[in-house]
């Protein structure tokens, strides 16, 4: 059996929540998880839309993680 390990260079994750505090907590938790994969936050994009079905604001974010630069 072969075991191949490739380095993860980039990762994009999507988050959504009905309140900003929950969204921030989701992102912070994922940042901690991705630190173990040696990934840092590269960029964050966010927006707010109104969900008429739930009659609430829906907060969403896209977080782009990139590999930490190697120090020589």
Protein backbone atom coordinates (compact mmCIF):
# COMPACT_ATOMS: atom_id res chain seq x y z
CA UNK A 1 0.00 0.00 0.00
CA UNK A 2 1.33 3.43 -0.98
CA UNK A 3 0.93 6.41 1.30
CA UNK A 4 1.25 9.77 -0.42
CA UNK A 5 1.40 13.04 1.50
CA UNK A 6 0.89 16.26 -0.44
CA UNK A 7 1.13 19.71 1.03
CA UNK A 8 -2.14 21.66 1.03
CA UNK A 9 -1.35 25.04 -0.57
CA UNK A 10 -4.73 26.76 -0.59
CA UNK A 11 -8.19 26.20 0.84
CA UNK A 12 -11.43 28.18 0.55
CA UNK A 13 -14.21 27.77 3.10
CA UNK A 14 -17.74 29.18 3.23
CA UNK A 15 -19.63 30.10 6.39
CA UNK A 16 -23.12 31.39 7.14
CA UNK A 17 -25.13 32.22 10.24
CA UNK A 18 -28.12 34.26 11.33
CA UNK A 19 -26.08 36.37 13.75
CA UNK A 20 -22.65 37.93 13.47
CA UNK A 21 -21.33 36.49 16.75
CA UNK A 22 -21.99 32.91 15.57
CA UNK A 23 -20.34 33.60 12.21
CA UNK A 24 -17.26 35.04 13.90
CA UNK A 25 -17.05 32.01 16.22
CA UNK A 26 -17.31 29.59 13.26
CA UNK A 27 -14.48 31.39 11.45
CA UNK A 28 -12.29 31.59 14.58
CA UNK A 29 -12.76 27.87 15.24
CA UNK A 30 -11.79 27.01 11.66
CA UNK A 31 -8.74 29.29 11.82
CA UNK A 32 -7.49 27.27 14.81
CA UNK A 33 -8.08 23.98 12.96
CA UNK A 34 -6.28 25.22 9.85
CA UNK A 35 -3.27 26.32 11.89
CA UNK A 36 -2.57 22.62 12.37
CA UNK A 37 -2.46 22.32 8.57
CA UNK A 38 -0.01 25.26 8.46
CA UNK A 39 -2.57 27.49 6.73
CA UNK A 40 -3.01 31.23 7.41
CA UNK A 41 -5.90 33.49 6.47
CA UNK A 42 -5.18 35.16 3.15
CA UNK A 43 -8.45 37.04 2.63
CA UNK A 44 -11.98 37.32 3.98
CA UNK A 45 -15.06 38.46 2.08
CA UNK A 46 -18.44 38.87 3.72
CA UNK A 47 -21.96 40.00 2.98
CA UNK A 48 -25.37 40.30 4.59
CA UNK A 49 -28.65 39.43 2.90
CA UNK A 50 -32.23 39.28 4.08
CA UNK A 51 -33.81 35.84 4.16
CA UNK A 52 -37.56 36.38 3.70
CA UNK A 53 -38.37 32.76 4.63
CA UNK A 54 -36.80 33.12 8.07
CA UNK A 55 -37.52 36.87 8.28
CA UNK A 56 -33.90 37.40 9.42
CA UNK A 57 -30.62 38.73 8.16
CA UNK A 58 -28.26 36.03 6.89
CA UNK A 59 -24.54 36.73 7.33
CA UNK A 60 -22.12 34.88 5.08
CA UNK A 61 -18.36 34.84 4.63
CA UNK A 62 -15.77 33.33 2.33
CA UNK A 63 -12.37 32.75 3.92
CA UNK A 64 -9.35 31.99 1.74
CA UNK A 65 -6.54 30.16 3.53
CA UNK A 66 -3.02 29.85 2.08
CA UNK A 67 0.03 27.92 3.17
CA UNK A 68 2.44 29.70 5.47
CA UNK A 69 5.63 30.75 3.66
CA UNK A 70 8.57 28.50 4.42
CA UNK A 71 11.39 30.13 6.39
CA UNK A 72 14.90 29.23 5.29
